[in-house]
Amino acid sequence: PPSVSVGPGQAVNVVISGGTPPYEILVRPDTGLVSAALQIPSTEPDTLVITGVTVASVAGSTSVRVADSSPSPRKEVTVQITKLP
């Protein structure tokens, strides 16, 4: 999805597809709001896991950019993230 919303401590899984794996995070989100990590299991689709920080009073917006490993031009996607209080 082009955007997601997460609450404190909530994790949202975003399936990554298209392009050429492996994928990498090019631009990390604001870690005061959320964390982002790639899960690359052998039997499941590659997944970007976005988790809201547990500080309940912190809210805001950030984004994460993921790219594939193909040669130029690389395929990239940016996911907008809204952290709820």
Protein backbone atom coordinates (compact mmCIF):
# COMPACT_ATOMS: atom_id res chain seq x y z
CA PRO A 1 0.00 0.00 0.00
CA PRO A 2 1.15 3.57 -0.58
CA SER A 3 0.41 4.44 3.06
CA VAL A 4 -0.18 2.77 6.43
CA SER A 5 -1.20 3.83 9.94
CA VAL A 6 0.18 2.23 13.10
CA GLY A 7 -0.54 2.64 16.79
CA PRO A 8 1.88 2.35 19.72
CA GLY A 9 3.44 -1.12 19.69
CA GLN A 10 1.33 -2.15 16.69
CA ALA A 11 3.05 -3.91 13.77
CA VAL A 12 1.87 -3.67 10.17
CA ASN A 13 3.17 -6.12 7.55
CA VAL A 14 3.58 -4.84 3.99
CA VAL A 15 4.27 -7.51 1.34
CA ILE A 16 7.06 -6.53 -1.07
CA SER A 17 6.78 -7.80 -4.63
CA GLY A 18 8.00 -6.93 -8.09
CA GLY A 19 11.48 -6.01 -9.07
CA THR A 20 14.47 -8.18 -8.27
CA PRO A 21 15.04 -9.48 -4.74
CA PRO A 22 16.80 -9.05 -2.42
CA TYR A 23 15.30 -5.76 -1.31
CA GLU A 24 16.88 -3.15 0.92
CA ILE A 25 15.72 -0.17 2.93
CA LEU A 26 17.23 2.93 1.30
CA VAL A 27 15.68 5.57 3.57
CA ARG A 28 14.67 4.64 7.10
CA PRO A 29 11.68 6.23 8.84
CA ASP A 30 11.89 8.55 11.85
CA THR A 31 12.79 6.12 14.66
CA GLY A 32 11.09 8.39 17.18
CA LEU A 33 7.82 7.30 15.56
CA VAL A 34 8.28 3.82 14.05
CA SER A 35 10.79 1.12 13.25
CA ALA A 36 11.02 -0.70 9.93
CA ALA A 37 12.66 -4.04 9.13
CA LEU A 38 12.68 -6.44 6.20
CA GLN A 39 11.75 -10.06 6.79
CA ILE A 40 12.95 -12.33 4.03
CA PRO A 41 11.77 -15.84 4.90
CA SER A 42 12.50 -18.73 2.58
CA THR A 43 8.86 -19.78 2.11
CA GLU A 44 6.87 -16.56 2.52
CA PRO A 45 6.83 -13.37 0.46
CA ASP A 46 9.34 -10.70 1.45
CA THR A 47 7.72 -8.43 4.01
CA LEU A 48 8.40 -4.94 5.36
CA VAL A 49 7.41 -4.84 9.03
CA ILE A 50 6.56 -1.36 10.37
CA THR A 51 6.12 -1.08 14.14
CA GLY A 52 4.91 1.99 16.06
CA VAL A 53 6.99 3.07 19.05
CA THR A 54 5.31 2.45 22.39
CA VAL A 55 5.39 6.05 23.63
CA ALA A 56 1.65 6.77 23.56
CA SER A 57 1.97 10.56 23.33
CA VAL A 58 4.08 10.53 20.17
CA ALA A 59 2.23 10.96 16.86
CA GLY A 60 3.29 12.15 13.42
CA SER A 61 4.17 11.19 9.88
CA THR A 62 7.25 9.69 8.29
CA SER A 63 8.11 7.41 5.37
CA VAL A 64 10.32 4.49 4.40
CA ARG A 65 11.84 3.82 0.96
CA VAL A 66 12.59 0.29 -0.23
CA ALA A 67 14.49 -0.66 -3.40
CA ASP A 68 15.14 -3.85 -5.31
CA SER A 69 18.59 -5.06 -6.34
CA SER A 70 18.24 -4.76 -10.11
CA PRO A 71 20.81 -2.74 -12.05
CA SER A 72 19.92 0.75 -13.15
CA PRO A 73 17.17 1.76 -13.09
CA ARG A 74 16.39 0.33 -9.66
CA LYS A 75 12.76 -0.06 -8.71
CA GLU A 76 11.86 1.85 -5.55
CA VAL A 77 8.73 2.32 -3.48
CA THR A 78 8.05 4.84 -0.72
CA VAL A 79 5.47 4.00 1.95
CA GLN A 80 4.00 6.94 3.87
CA ILE A 81 3.48 6.14 7.55
CA THR A 82 1.17 7.83 10.03
CA LYS A 83 1.91 7.08 13.69
CA LEU A 84 -1.22 7.39 15.84
CA PRO A 85 -1.02 8.52 19.49
